[in-house]
């Protein structure tokens, strides 16, 4: 049975292009279209769709306003945003993730790009990741995105003596921006380790995500810059369009090294690159965290890192993932120490690394 998709965009041309892409796949059909959030809201009040492809900027009611209204009225929808590469749209898209959107695709700047293979593949890959490869029910999907707020860590654990210098290295993809909202804000500012983080995202969006997380978190969060010296109590997010490595300097300090090498498996940044770079680091133990995402990025790098360093590996549980791809891949290797629901990831990290 085909999955029914609602397409919401104020451009008649974009509606047609997106509908043609969706209808070209046997698994999906673009059942209905709307010109703005007002029309979409009326549709979603009475009709349940398997997915909604939603534009950010529209007259009368934009994508963010629609998500806020759906959340207010407790109307469930599996939403994929379509966003331009502008700073303003990137900021709105990050807020949309907080309001329940699953993921986003970047909007083509012209008709040639719109009809190109890159846009088509990205849109279809997100739809397929959510509806073809996942093993969860629709009900559990909805509960995941509207789950209760994680419990804040009131009394963090002091780092046990003799356990050495630690680093946290986290990887996520589809569903990651929303998932990170349930992890990063619950890490204390005096966490006894730095964190390096790869989220698959285009350039510009990682800066907006980092800034937003920094606003709502006690711990410091920033988009990583070349030469950044890693400090405890800070999260460094790999910038979109760059690979991030962690290099140990001659003075023993660890710094961020960004490069413009080709994408690996279509990914840039790539989590495997980050993990593999840590093989020669000076950290005594690395806590590896793998959250929701399609594919298997991170698994190869973690296995390579395990050959050289003691690891503690945390994997997000299947029932709380938007896409159980990356966590499943690492879990199947047998190296995972803890499989936990999303709301317990922050506590698992602090339990292992402690506070200063």
C-alpha atoms as a PDB file:
ATOM      1  CA  UNK A   1       0.000   0.000   0.000  1.00  0.00           C
ATOM      2  CA  UNK A   2       1.392   3.379  -0.993  1.00  0.00           C
ATOM      3  CA  UNK A   3       2.273   5.962   1.635  1.00  0.00           C
ATOM      4  CA  UNK A   4       0.235   9.155   1.292  1.00  0.00           C
ATOM      5  CA  UNK A   5       2.202  12.397   1.327  1.00  0.00           C
ATOM      6  CA  UNK A   6       0.911  15.961   1.663  1.00  0.00           C
ATOM      7  CA  UNK A   7       2.975  18.603  -0.197  1.00  0.00           C
ATOM      8  CA  UNK A   8       2.797  22.166   1.120  1.00  0.00           C
ATOM      9  CA  UNK A   9       4.514  24.942  -0.880  1.00  0.00           C
ATOM     10  CA  UNK A  10       3.412  28.340  -2.167  1.00  0.00           C
ATOM     11  CA  UNK A  11       5.171  27.790  -5.511  1.00  0.00           C
ATOM     12  CA  UNK A  12       3.080  25.902  -8.077  1.00  0.00           C
ATOM     13  CA  UNK A  13       6.291  24.873  -9.840  1.00  0.00           C
ATOM     14  CA  UNK A  14       7.855  23.441  -6.673  1.00  0.00           C
ATOM     15  CA  UNK A  15       4.632  21.627  -5.801  1.00  0.00           C
ATOM     16  CA  UNK A  16       4.668  19.973  -9.206  1.00  0.00           C
ATOM     17  CA  UNK A  17       8.365  19.065  -9.025  1.00  0.00           C
ATOM     18  CA  UNK A  18       8.044  17.595  -5.532  1.00  0.00           C
ATOM     19  CA  UNK A  19       4.872  15.699  -6.464  1.00  0.00           C
ATOM     20  CA  UNK A  20       6.536  14.283  -9.585  1.00  0.00           C
ATOM     21  CA  UNK A  21       9.490  13.073  -7.480  1.00  0.00           C
ATOM     22  CA  UNK A  22       7.228  11.464  -4.884  1.00  0.00           C
ATOM     23  CA  UNK A  23       4.974   9.841  -7.499  1.00  0.00           C
ATOM     24  CA  UNK A  24       7.993   8.443  -9.358  1.00  0.00           C
ATOM     25  CA  UNK A  25       8.530   6.043  -6.453  1.00  0.00           C
ATOM     26  CA  UNK A  26       6.173   3.079  -6.203  1.00  0.00           C
ATOM     27  CA  UNK A  27       6.076   3.299  -2.397  1.00  0.00           C
ATOM     28  CA  UNK A  28       4.724   6.846  -2.247  1.00  0.00           C
ATOM     29  CA  UNK A  29       2.041   9.043  -3.697  1.00  0.00           C
ATOM     30  CA  UNK A  30       1.500  12.789  -3.387  1.00  0.00           C
ATOM     31  CA  UNK A  31      -2.109  12.569  -2.328  1.00  0.00           C
ATOM     32  CA  UNK A  32      -2.823  16.259  -1.729  1.00  0.00           C
ATOM     33  CA  UNK A  33      -1.188  19.672  -2.168  1.00  0.00           C
ATOM     34  CA  UNK A  34      -1.594  22.978  -0.317  1.00  0.00           C
ATOM     35  CA  UNK A  35      -0.404  26.501  -1.066  1.00  0.00           C
ATOM     36  CA  UNK A  36       0.269  27.560   2.521  1.00  0.00           C
ATOM     37  CA  UNK A  37       0.008  26.612   6.167  1.00  0.00           C
ATOM     38  CA  UNK A  38      -3.613  27.702   6.467  1.00  0.00           C
ATOM     39  CA  UNK A  39      -4.742  25.214   3.822  1.00  0.00           C
ATOM     40  CA  UNK A  40      -2.481  22.532   5.262  1.00  0.00           C
ATOM     41  CA  UNK A  41      -3.862  23.015   8.750  1.00  0.00           C
ATOM     42  CA  UNK A  42      -7.407  22.461   7.512  1.00  0.00           C
ATOM     43  CA  UNK A  43      -6.300  19.294   5.699  1.00  0.00           C
ATOM     44  CA  UNK A  44      -4.393  17.933   8.706  1.00  0.00           C
ATOM     45  CA  UNK A  45      -7.354  18.489  11.031  1.00  0.00           C
ATOM     46  CA  UNK A  46      -9.408  15.949   9.079  1.00  0.00           C
ATOM     47  CA  UNK A  47      -6.925  13.767   7.173  1.00  0.00           C
ATOM     48  CA  UNK A  48      -4.058  11.640   8.412  1.00  0.00           C
ATOM     49  CA  UNK A  49      -1.027  11.476   6.102  1.00  0.00           C
ATOM     50  CA  UNK A  50       2.030   9.266   6.285  1.00  0.00           C
ATOM     51  CA  UNK A  51       4.213  12.304   5.706  1.00  0.00           C
ATOM     52  CA  UNK A  52       4.160  16.057   5.064  1.00  0.00           C
ATOM     53  CA  UNK A  53       6.713  17.846   2.872  1.00  0.00           C
ATOM     54  CA  UNK A  54       6.555  21.413   4.179  1.00  0.00           C
ATOM     55  CA  UNK A  55       8.039  24.658   2.864  1.00  0.00           C
ATOM     56  CA  UNK A  56       9.491  27.134   5.363  1.00  0.00           C
ATOM     57  CA  UNK A  57       8.419  30.491   3.904  1.00  0.00           C
ATOM     58  CA  UNK A  58       4.806  30.848   2.731  1.00  0.00           C
ATOM     59  CA  UNK A  59       2.144  33.592   2.804  1.00  0.00           C
ATOM     60  CA  UNK A  60      -0.574  33.660   5.463  1.00  0.00           C
ATOM     61  CA  UNK A  61       1.045  30.864   7.511  1.00  0.00           C
ATOM     62  CA  UNK A  62       4.622  29.591   7.144  1.00  0.00           C
ATOM     63  CA  UNK A  63       6.023  26.194   8.048  1.00  0.00           C
ATOM     64  CA  UNK A  64       7.105  27.085  11.580  1.00  0.00           C
ATOM     65  CA  UNK A  65       3.745  28.649  12.415  1.00  0.00           C
ATOM     66  CA  UNK A  66       1.972  25.549  11.124  1.00  0.00           C
ATOM     67  CA  UNK A  67       4.108  23.245  13.281  1.00  0.00           C
ATOM     68  CA  UNK A  68       3.438  25.392  16.329  1.00  0.00           C
ATOM     69  CA  UNK A  69      -0.310  25.240  15.687  1.00  0.00           C
ATOM     70  CA  UNK A  70      -0.227  21.467  15.151  1.00  0.00           C
ATOM     71  CA  UNK A  71       1.705  21.027  18.381  1.00  0.00           C
ATOM     72  CA  UNK A  72      -0.690  23.315  20.254  1.00  0.00           C
ATOM     73  CA  UNK A  73      -3.708  21.364  18.979  1.00  0.00           C
ATOM     74  CA  UNK A  74      -1.955  17.991  19.474  1.00  0.00           C
ATOM     75  CA  UNK A  75      -2.273  17.068  15.793  1.00  0.00           C
ATOM     76  CA  UNK A  76       0.437  14.534  14.921  1.00  0.00           C
ATOM     77  CA  UNK A  77       2.281  14.769  11.600  1.00  0.00           C
ATOM     78  CA  UNK A  78       5.525  13.350  10.182  1.00  0.00           C
ATOM     79  CA  UNK A  79       7.022  16.533   8.749  1.00  0.00           C
ATOM     80  CA  UNK A  80      10.015  16.990   6.449  1.00  0.00           C
ATOM     81  CA  UNK A  81      10.953  20.644   5.957  1.00  0.00           C
ATOM     82  CA  UNK A  82      12.120  22.134   2.652  1.00  0.00           C
ATOM     83  CA  UNK A  83      14.490  24.990   3.419  1.00  0.00           C
ATOM     84  CA  UNK A  84      16.743  27.359   1.470  1.00  0.00           C
ATOM     85  CA  UNK A  85      20.391  27.810   2.391  1.00  0.00           C
ATOM     86  CA  UNK A  86      19.878  31.273   3.873  1.00  0.00           C
ATOM     87  CA  UNK A  87      20.834  32.045   7.459  1.00  0.00           C
ATOM     88  CA  UNK A  88      17.274  33.089   8.270  1.00  0.00           C
ATOM     89  CA  UNK A  89      15.785  29.874   6.893  1.00  0.00           C
ATOM     90  CA  UNK A  90      18.426  27.812   8.684  1.00  0.00           C
ATOM     91  CA  UNK A  91      17.420  29.379  12.002  1.00  0.00           C
ATOM     92  CA  UNK A  92      13.724  28.781  11.290  1.00  0.00           C
ATOM     93  CA  UNK A  93      14.450  25.185  10.293  1.00  0.00           C
ATOM     94  CA  UNK A  94      16.247  24.529  13.600  1.00  0.00           C
ATOM     95  CA  UNK A  95      13.215  25.865  15.449  1.00  0.00           C
ATOM     96  CA  UNK A  96      11.028  23.641  13.268  1.00  0.00           C
ATOM     97  CA  UNK A  97      12.995  20.626  14.498  1.00  0.00           C
ATOM     98  CA  UNK A  98      12.160  21.670  18.056  1.00  0.00           C
ATOM     99  CA  UNK A  99       8.501  21.827  17.044  1.00  0.00           C
ATOM    100  CA  UNK A 100       8.540  18.228  15.819  1.00  0.00           C
ATOM    101  CA  UNK A 101       9.862  18.172  12.244  1.00  0.00           C
ATOM    102  CA  UNK A 102      11.775  14.969  11.495  1.00  0.00           C
ATOM    103  CA  UNK A 103      14.347  16.279   9.031  1.00  0.00           C
ATOM    104  CA  UNK A 104      14.831  18.741   6.202  1.00  0.00           C
ATOM    105  CA  UNK A 105      16.003  18.908   2.602  1.00  0.00           C
ATOM    106  CA  UNK A 106      17.625  21.978   1.083  1.00  0.00           C
ATOM    107  CA  UNK A 107      15.466  23.764  -1.455  1.00  0.00           C
ATOM    108  CA  UNK A 108      16.828  24.086  -5.004  1.00  0.00           C
ATOM    109  CA  UNK A 109      17.653  27.626  -6.120  1.00  0.00           C
ATOM    110  CA  UNK A 110      16.409  27.117  -9.689  1.00  0.00           C
ATOM    111  CA  UNK A 111      14.384  24.739 -11.863  1.00  0.00           C
ATOM    112  CA  UNK A 112      17.454  22.919 -13.132  1.00  0.00           C
ATOM    113  CA  UNK A 113      18.475  22.017  -9.581  1.00  0.00           C
ATOM    114  CA  UNK A 114      14.873  21.192  -8.700  1.00  0.00           C
ATOM    115  CA  UNK A 115      14.728  18.605 -11.462  1.00  0.00           C
ATOM    116  CA  UNK A 116      18.252  17.383 -10.726  1.00  0.00           C
ATOM    117  CA  UNK A 117      19.249  14.042  -9.254  1.00  0.00           C
ATOM    118  CA  UNK A 118      20.684  15.457  -6.007  1.00  0.00           C
ATOM    119  CA  UNK A 119      17.420  16.984  -4.803  1.00  0.00           C
ATOM    120  CA  UNK A 120      15.438  13.945  -5.869  1.00  0.00           C
ATOM    121  CA  UNK A 121      17.774  11.509  -4.117  1.00  0.00           C
ATOM    122  CA  UNK A 122      17.843  13.523  -0.915  1.00  0.00           C
ATOM    123  CA  UNK A 123      14.055  13.790  -0.686  1.00  0.00           C
ATOM    124  CA  UNK A 124      13.468  10.129  -1.498  1.00  0.00           C
ATOM    125  CA  UNK A 125      16.231   8.965   0.856  1.00  0.00           C
ATOM    126  CA  UNK A 126      14.626  10.781   3.792  1.00  0.00           C
ATOM    127  CA  UNK A 127      11.196   9.381   2.956  1.00  0.00           C
ATOM    128  CA  UNK A 128      12.552   5.860   2.544  1.00  0.00           C
ATOM    129  CA  UNK A 129      14.626   6.045   5.719  1.00  0.00           C
ATOM    130  CA  UNK A 130      11.569   6.940   7.738  1.00  0.00           C
ATOM    131  CA  UNK A 131       9.050   4.619   6.077  1.00  0.00           C
ATOM    132  CA  UNK A 132      10.917   1.698   4.520  1.00  0.00           C
ATOM    133  CA  UNK A 133      13.825   0.759   6.759  1.00  0.00           C
ATOM    134  CA  UNK A 134      12.395   1.492  10.186  1.00  0.00           C
ATOM    135  CA  UNK A 135      10.839  -1.300  12.243  1.00  0.00           C
ATOM    136  CA  UNK A 136       8.784   0.883  14.560  1.00  0.00           C
ATOM    137  CA  UNK A 137       5.046   1.400  14.405  1.00  0.00           C
ATOM    138  CA  UNK A 138       3.456   4.710  13.513  1.00  0.00           C
ATOM    139  CA  UNK A 139       2.327   5.026  17.104  1.00  0.00           C
ATOM    140  CA  UNK A 140       5.820   4.685  18.542  1.00  0.00           C
ATOM    141  CA  UNK A 141       7.093   7.203  15.972  1.00  0.00           C
ATOM    142  CA  UNK A 142       4.628   9.769  17.245  1.00  0.00           C
ATOM    143  CA  UNK A 143       5.461   9.037  20.876  1.00  0.00           C
ATOM    144  CA  UNK A 144       9.160   9.486  20.115  1.00  0.00           C
ATOM    145  CA  UNK A 145       8.770  12.979  18.707  1.00  0.00           C
ATOM    146  CA  UNK A 146       6.368  14.134  21.399  1.00  0.00           C
ATOM    147  CA  UNK A 147       7.949  12.289  24.313  1.00  0.00           C
ATOM    148  CA  UNK A 148       8.153  13.808  27.769  1.00  0.00           C
ATOM    149  CA  UNK A 149      10.999  16.128  28.639  1.00  0.00           C
ATOM    150  CA  UNK A 150      14.144  14.366  29.878  1.00  0.00           C
ATOM    151  CA  UNK A 151      14.865  14.604  33.589  1.00  0.00           C
ATOM    152  CA  UNK A 152      17.571  17.137  34.332  1.00  0.00           C
ATOM    153  CA  UNK A 153      20.617  15.836  36.172  1.00  0.00           C
ATOM    154  CA  UNK A 154      20.299  17.479  39.568  1.00  0.00           C
ATOM    155  CA  UNK A 155      23.388  15.985  41.216  1.00  0.00           C
ATOM    156  CA  UNK A 156      25.954  14.988  38.582  1.00  0.00           C
ATOM    157  CA  UNK A 157      28.439  12.301  39.529  1.00  0.00           C
ATOM    158  CA  UNK A 158      31.979  13.335  40.317  1.00  0.00           C
ATOM    159  CA  UNK A 159      34.463  11.682  37.998  1.00  0.00           C
ATOM    160  CA  UNK A 160      35.954   8.669  39.834  1.00  0.00           C
ATOM    161  CA  UNK A 161      39.634   9.064  40.552  1.00  0.00           C
ATOM    162  CA  UNK A 162      42.113   7.174  38.432  1.00  0.00           C
ATOM    163  CA  UNK A 163      39.915   6.994  35.356  1.00  0.00           C
ATOM    164  CA  UNK A 164      41.990   9.449  33.370  1.00  0.00           C
ATOM    165  CA  UNK A 165      41.310  12.151  30.828  1.00  0.00           C
ATOM    166  CA  UNK A 166      38.145  11.636  28.797  1.00  0.00           C
ATOM    167  CA  UNK A 167      36.467  12.799  25.609  1.00  0.00           C
ATOM    168  CA  UNK A 168      32.897  12.386  24.342  1.00  0.00           C
ATOM    169  CA  UNK A 169      32.428  11.848  20.586  1.00  0.00           C
ATOM    170  CA  UNK A 170      28.848  11.847  19.261  1.00  0.00           C
ATOM    171  CA  UNK A 171      27.404  11.086  15.820  1.00  0.00           C
ATOM    172  CA  UNK A 172      23.858  11.486  14.458  1.00  0.00           C
ATOM    173  CA  UNK A 173      21.960  12.100  11.239  1.00  0.00           C
ATOM    174  CA  UNK A 174      18.240  11.961  10.331  1.00  0.00           C
ATOM    175  CA  UNK A 175      16.269  13.062  13.375  1.00  0.00           C
ATOM    176  CA  UNK A 176      19.467  14.257  15.028  1.00  0.00           C
ATOM    177  CA  UNK A 177      18.674  17.968  15.434  1.00  0.00           C
ATOM    178  CA  UNK A 178      15.520  17.092  17.356  1.00  0.00           C
ATOM    179  CA  UNK A 179      17.271  14.326  19.330  1.00  0.00           C
ATOM    180  CA  UNK A 180      20.097  16.637  20.363  1.00  0.00           C
ATOM    181  CA  UNK A 181      17.498  18.860  22.028  1.00  0.00           C
ATOM    182  CA  UNK A 182      16.957  16.002  24.474  1.00  0.00           C
ATOM    183  CA  UNK A 183      20.669  15.500  25.149  1.00  0.00           C
ATOM    184  CA  UNK A 184      22.833  18.638  24.996  1.00  0.00           C
ATOM    185  CA  UNK A 185      20.656  20.903  27.223  1.00  0.00           C
ATOM    186  CA  UNK A 186      20.871  18.246  29.967  1.00  0.00           C
ATOM    187  CA  UNK A 187      24.670  18.185  30.136  1.00  0.00           C
ATOM    188  CA  UNK A 188      26.102  20.294  32.983  1.00  0.00           C
ATOM    189  CA  UNK A 189      28.466  23.168  32.230  1.00  0.00           C
ATOM    190  CA  UNK A 190      31.155  21.524  34.365  1.00  0.00           C
ATOM    191  CA  UNK A 191      31.133  18.221  32.457  1.00  0.00           C
ATOM    192  CA  UNK A 192      34.533  16.618  32.982  1.00  0.00           C
ATOM    193  CA  UNK A 193      35.218  16.216  29.259  1.00  0.00           C
ATOM    194  CA  UNK A 194      34.913  18.064  25.962  1.00  0.00           C
ATOM    195  CA  UNK A 195      32.477  16.744  23.345  1.00  0.00           C
ATOM    196  CA  UNK A 196      33.035  16.588  19.592  1.00  0.00           C
ATOM    197  CA  UNK A 197      29.942  16.066  17.474  1.00  0.00           C
ATOM    198  CA  UNK A 198      29.107  15.219  13.873  1.00  0.00           C
ATOM    199  CA  UNK A 199      25.572  15.855  12.619  1.00  0.00           C
ATOM    200  CA  UNK A 200      25.019  15.368   8.891  1.00  0.00           C
ATOM    201  CA  UNK A 201      23.983  18.834   7.701  1.00  0.00           C
ATOM    202  CA  UNK A 202      24.755  21.337   4.964  1.00  0.00           C
ATOM    203  CA  UNK A 203      26.901  24.409   5.525  1.00  0.00           C
ATOM    204  CA  UNK A 204      25.087  27.143   7.460  1.00  0.00           C
ATOM    205  CA  UNK A 205      22.647  24.879   9.250  1.00  0.00           C
ATOM    206  CA  UNK A 206      25.267  23.603  11.714  1.00  0.00           C
ATOM    207  CA  UNK A 207      26.006  27.179  12.826  1.00  0.00           C
ATOM    208  CA  UNK A 208      22.311  27.833  13.466  1.00  0.00           C
ATOM    209  CA  UNK A 209      21.988  24.526  15.322  1.00  0.00           C
ATOM    210  CA  UNK A 210      25.057  25.228  17.466  1.00  0.00           C
ATOM    211  CA  UNK A 211      23.862  28.737  18.319  1.00  0.00           C
ATOM    212  CA  UNK A 212      20.407  27.488  19.248  1.00  0.00           C
ATOM    213  CA  UNK A 213      21.755  24.677  21.442  1.00  0.00           C
ATOM    214  CA  UNK A 214      24.116  27.127  23.119  1.00  0.00           C
ATOM    215  CA  UNK A 215      21.153  29.378  23.968  1.00  0.00           C
ATOM    216  CA  UNK A 216      19.214  26.637  25.736  1.00  0.00           C
ATOM    217  CA  UNK A 217      22.067  24.663  27.334  1.00  0.00           C
ATOM    218  CA  UNK A 218      24.177  25.196  30.467  1.00  0.00           C
ATOM    219  CA  UNK A 219      27.124  23.644  28.651  1.00  0.00           C
ATOM    220  CA  UNK A 220      28.891  25.765  26.019  1.00  0.00           C
ATOM    221  CA  UNK A 221      28.106  24.800  22.402  1.00  0.00           C
ATOM    222  CA  UNK A 222      29.802  26.147  19.277  1.00  0.00           C
ATOM    223  CA  UNK A 223      30.330  25.338  15.625  1.00  0.00           C
ATOM    224  CA  UNK A 224      33.913  24.063  15.529  1.00  0.00           C
ATOM    225  CA  UNK A 225      36.567  26.265  13.949  1.00  0.00           C
ATOM    226  CA  UNK A 226      39.934  25.213  12.629  1.00  0.00           C
ATOM    227  CA  UNK A 227      42.452  25.415  15.474  1.00  0.00           C
ATOM    228  CA  UNK A 228      39.946  25.327  18.340  1.00  0.00           C
ATOM    229  CA  UNK A 229      41.609  23.915  21.470  1.00  0.00           C
ATOM    230  CA  UNK A 230      39.318  21.342  23.099  1.00  0.00           C
ATOM    231  CA  UNK A 231      38.203  22.372  26.578  1.00  0.00           C
ATOM    232  CA  UNK A 232      36.144  20.484  29.135  1.00  0.00           C
ATOM    233  CA  UNK A 233      32.539  21.605  29.336  1.00  0.00           C
ATOM    234  CA  UNK A 234      32.291  22.556  25.662  1.00  0.00           C
ATOM    235  CA  UNK A 235      30.606  20.894  22.671  1.00  0.00           C
ATOM    236  CA  UNK A 236      32.262  21.329  19.259  1.00  0.00           C
ATOM    237  CA  UNK A 237      29.961  20.682  16.275  1.00  0.00           C
ATOM    238  CA  UNK A 238      31.585  19.851  12.931  1.00  0.00           C
ATOM    239  CA  UNK A 239      30.604  22.515  10.379  1.00  0.00           C
ATOM    240  CA  UNK A 240      28.523  21.421   7.399  1.00  0.00           C
ATOM    241  CA  UNK A 241      30.634  20.921   4.286  1.00  0.00           C
ATOM    242  CA  UNK A 242      33.838  20.169   6.234  1.00  0.00           C
ATOM    243  CA  UNK A 243      35.396  17.040   7.692  1.00  0.00           C
ATOM    244  CA  UNK A 244      36.555  17.371  11.296  1.00  0.00           C
ATOM    245  CA  UNK A 245      39.595  15.671  12.793  1.00  0.00           C
ATOM    246  CA  UNK A 246      41.009  15.987  16.286  1.00  0.00           C
ATOM    247  CA  UNK A 247      44.784  16.369  16.377  1.00  0.00           C
ATOM    248  CA  UNK A 248      47.143  16.227  19.377  1.00  0.00           C
ATOM    249  CA  UNK A 249      49.636  19.089  19.381  1.00  0.00           C
ATOM    250  CA  UNK A 250      53.267  18.876  20.522  1.00  0.00           C
ATOM    251  CA  UNK A 251      52.218  20.599  23.766  1.00  0.00           C
ATOM    252  CA  UNK A 252      49.733  17.807  24.490  1.00  0.00           C
ATOM    253  CA  UNK A 253      46.638  19.887  23.761  1.00  0.00           C
ATOM    254  CA  UNK A 254      44.010  18.626  21.329  1.00  0.00           C
ATOM    255  CA  UNK A 255      42.806  20.895  18.535  1.00  0.00           C
ATOM    256  CA  UNK A 256      40.179  20.826  15.805  1.00  0.00           C
ATOM    257  CA  UNK A 257      41.508  20.358  12.276  1.00  0.00           C
ATOM    258  CA  UNK A 258      38.989  20.974   9.488  1.00  0.00           C
ATOM    259  CA  UNK A 259      39.576  19.905   5.911  1.00  0.00           C
ATOM    260  CA  UNK A 260      37.872  20.092   2.534  1.00  0.00           C
ATOM    261  CA  UNK A 261      38.557  16.535   1.372  1.00  0.00           C
ATOM    262  CA  UNK A 262      35.861  14.833  -0.760  1.00  0.00           C
ATOM    263  CA  UNK A 263      32.646  13.594   0.810  1.00  0.00           C
ATOM    264  CA  UNK A 264      32.698   9.974   1.971  1.00  0.00           C
ATOM    265  CA  UNK A 265      29.593   8.068   0.923  1.00  0.00           C
ATOM    266  CA  UNK A 266      27.975  11.421   0.232  1.00  0.00           C
ATOM    267  CA  UNK A 267      28.719  12.613   3.783  1.00  0.00           C
ATOM    268  CA  UNK A 268      30.605  15.767   4.689  1.00  0.00           C
ATOM    269  CA  UNK A 269      31.158  15.928   7.606  1.00  0.00           C
ATOM    270  CA  UNK A 270      31.619  12.195   8.120  1.00  0.00           C
ATOM    271  CA  UNK A 271      31.638  10.687  11.610  1.00  0.00           C
ATOM    272  CA  UNK A 272      34.054   7.923  10.590  1.00  0.00           C
ATOM    273  CA  UNK A 273      36.660  10.596   9.813  1.00  0.00           C
ATOM    274  CA  UNK A 274      36.244  12.102  13.292  1.00  0.00           C
ATOM    275  CA  UNK A 275      36.446   8.767  15.099  1.00  0.00           C
ATOM    276  CA  UNK A 276      39.427   7.490  13.133  1.00  0.00           C
ATOM    277  CA  UNK A 277      41.354  10.706  13.818  1.00  0.00           C
ATOM    278  CA  UNK A 278      41.147   9.921  17.544  1.00  0.00           C
ATOM    279  CA  UNK A 279      43.269   6.775  17.229  1.00  0.00           C
ATOM    280  CA  UNK A 280      46.389   8.795  18.063  1.00  0.00           C
ATOM    281  CA  UNK A 281      44.861  11.178  20.601  1.00  0.00           C
ATOM    282  CA  UNK A 282      46.024  11.535  24.178  1.00  0.00           C
ATOM    283  CA  UNK A 283      42.681  10.799  25.828  1.00  0.00           C
ATOM    284  CA  UNK A 284      42.636   7.795  28.149  1.00  0.00           C
ATOM    285  CA  UNK A 285      39.063   6.805  27.360  1.00  0.00           C
ATOM    286  CA  UNK A 286      36.537   7.975  24.769  1.00  0.00           C
ATOM    287  CA  UNK A 287      32.783   7.827  25.253  1.00  0.00           C
ATOM    288  CA  UNK A 288      31.261   7.236  21.823  1.00  0.00           C
ATOM    289  CA  UNK A 289      27.585   8.097  21.388  1.00  0.00           C
ATOM    290  CA  UNK A 290      25.508   7.139  18.332  1.00  0.00           C
ATOM    291  CA  UNK A 291      22.044   8.636  17.934  1.00  0.00           C
ATOM    292  CA  UNK A 292      19.291   8.375  15.326  1.00  0.00           C
ATOM    293  CA  UNK A 293      20.255   8.432  11.651  1.00  0.00           C
ATOM    294  CA  UNK A 294      20.134   6.536   8.378  1.00  0.00           C
ATOM    295  CA  UNK A 295      23.060   4.436   7.199  1.00  0.00           C
ATOM    296  CA  UNK A 296      26.033   3.253   9.240  1.00  0.00           C
ATOM    297  CA  UNK A 297      28.330   6.258   9.550  1.00  0.00           C
ATOM    298  CA  UNK A 298      30.387   6.026  12.725  1.00  0.00           C
ATOM    299  CA  UNK A 299      30.540   2.236  12.957  1.00  0.00           C
ATOM    300  CA  UNK A 300      33.728   1.809  10.916  1.00  0.00           C
ATOM    301  CA  UNK A 301      35.412   4.668  12.761  1.00  0.00           C
ATOM    302  CA  UNK A 302      34.451   3.385  16.214  1.00  0.00           C
ATOM    303  CA  UNK A 303      35.693  -0.115  15.421  1.00  0.00           C
ATOM    304  CA  UNK A 304      38.980   1.336  14.171  1.00  0.00           C
ATOM    305  CA  UNK A 305      39.277   3.516  17.272  1.00  0.00           C
ATOM    306  CA  UNK A 306      38.621   0.558  19.556  1.00  0.00           C
ATOM    307  CA  UNK A 307      41.831  -1.063  18.274  1.00  0.00           C
ATOM    308  CA  UNK A 308      43.838   1.735  19.892  1.00  0.00           C
ATOM    309  CA  UNK A 309      41.766   3.208  22.733  1.00  0.00           C
ATOM    310  CA  UNK A 310      39.504   2.100  25.606  1.00  0.00           C
ATOM    311  CA  UNK A 311      35.937   3.015  24.659  1.00  0.00           C
ATOM    312  CA  UNK A 312      32.571   3.284  26.326  1.00  0.00           C
ATOM    313  CA  UNK A 313      29.904   3.107  23.609  1.00  0.00           C
ATOM    314  CA  UNK A 314      26.330   4.388  24.046  1.00  0.00           C
ATOM    315  CA  UNK A 315      23.681   3.629  21.418  1.00  0.00           C
ATOM    316  CA  UNK A 316      20.188   5.116  21.245  1.00  0.00           C
ATOM    317  CA  UNK A 317      17.415   2.541  21.599  1.00  0.00           C
ATOM    318  CA  UNK A 318      15.364   1.568  18.548  1.00  0.00           C
ATOM    319  CA  UNK A 319      12.001   2.649  19.914  1.00  0.00           C
ATOM    320  CA  UNK A 320      13.182   6.246  20.457  1.00  0.00           C
ATOM    321  CA  UNK A 321      14.921   6.704  17.083  1.00  0.00           C
ATOM    322  CA  UNK A 322      13.339   8.473  14.143  1.00  0.00           C
ATOM    323  CA  UNK A 323      15.526   6.228  11.968  1.00  0.00           C
ATOM    324  CA  UNK A 324      17.161   3.188  13.550  1.00  0.00           C
ATOM    325  CA  UNK A 325      20.094   2.991  11.148  1.00  0.00           C
ATOM    326  CA  UNK A 326      23.343   4.270  12.673  1.00  0.00           C
ATOM    327  CA  UNK A 327      22.544   3.022  16.214  1.00  0.00           C
ATOM    328  CA  UNK A 328      21.536  -0.370  14.798  1.00  0.00           C
ATOM    329  CA  UNK A 329      24.777  -0.675  12.822  1.00  0.00           C
ATOM    330  CA  UNK A 330      26.990  -0.079  15.850  1.00  0.00           C
ATOM    331  CA  UNK A 331      24.794  -2.233  18.139  1.00  0.00           C
ATOM    332  CA  UNK A 332      25.140  -5.193  15.788  1.00  0.00           C
ATOM    333  CA  UNK A 333      28.945  -5.142  16.164  1.00  0.00           C
ATOM    334  CA  UNK A 334      28.712  -6.128  19.826  1.00  0.00           C
ATOM    335  CA  UNK A 335      30.904  -3.246  21.068  1.00  0.00           C
ATOM    336  CA  UNK A 336      28.066  -1.234  22.640  1.00  0.00           C
ATOM    337  CA  UNK A 337      28.202  -0.907  26.420  1.00  0.00           C
ATOM    338  CA  UNK A 338      24.786   0.715  26.899  1.00  0.00           C
ATOM    339  CA  UNK A 339      21.613   0.873  24.800  1.00  0.00           C
ATOM    340  CA  UNK A 340      19.429   3.603  26.272  1.00  0.00           C
ATOM    341  CA  UNK A 341      16.311   5.595  25.330  1.00  0.00           C
ATOM    342  CA  UNK A 342      16.932   9.130  24.129  1.00  0.00           C
ATOM    343  CA  UNK A 343      15.822  10.651  27.435  1.00  0.00           C
ATOM    344  CA  UNK A 344      18.590   8.780  29.278  1.00  0.00           C
ATOM    345  CA  UNK A 345      21.516   9.513  26.945  1.00  0.00           C
ATOM    346  CA  UNK A 346      22.685  12.612  28.831  1.00  0.00           C
ATOM    347  CA  UNK A 347      22.645  10.776  32.149  1.00  0.00           C
ATOM    348  CA  UNK A 348      24.604   7.884  30.639  1.00  0.00           C
ATOM    349  CA  UNK A 349      27.254  10.287  29.382  1.00  0.00           C
ATOM    350  CA  UNK A 350      27.650  12.035  32.741  1.00  0.00           C
ATOM    351  CA  UNK A 351      27.609   8.767  34.644  1.00  0.00           C
ATOM    352  CA  UNK A 352      30.668   7.752  32.645  1.00  0.00           C
ATOM    353  CA  UNK A 353      32.656  10.996  32.440  1.00  0.00           C
ATOM    354  CA  UNK A 354      31.484  12.794  35.592  1.00  0.00           C
ATOM    355  CA  UNK A 355      31.863  16.496  36.374  1.00  0.00           C
ATOM    356  CA  UNK A 356      34.797  18.653  37.397  1.00  0.00           C
END
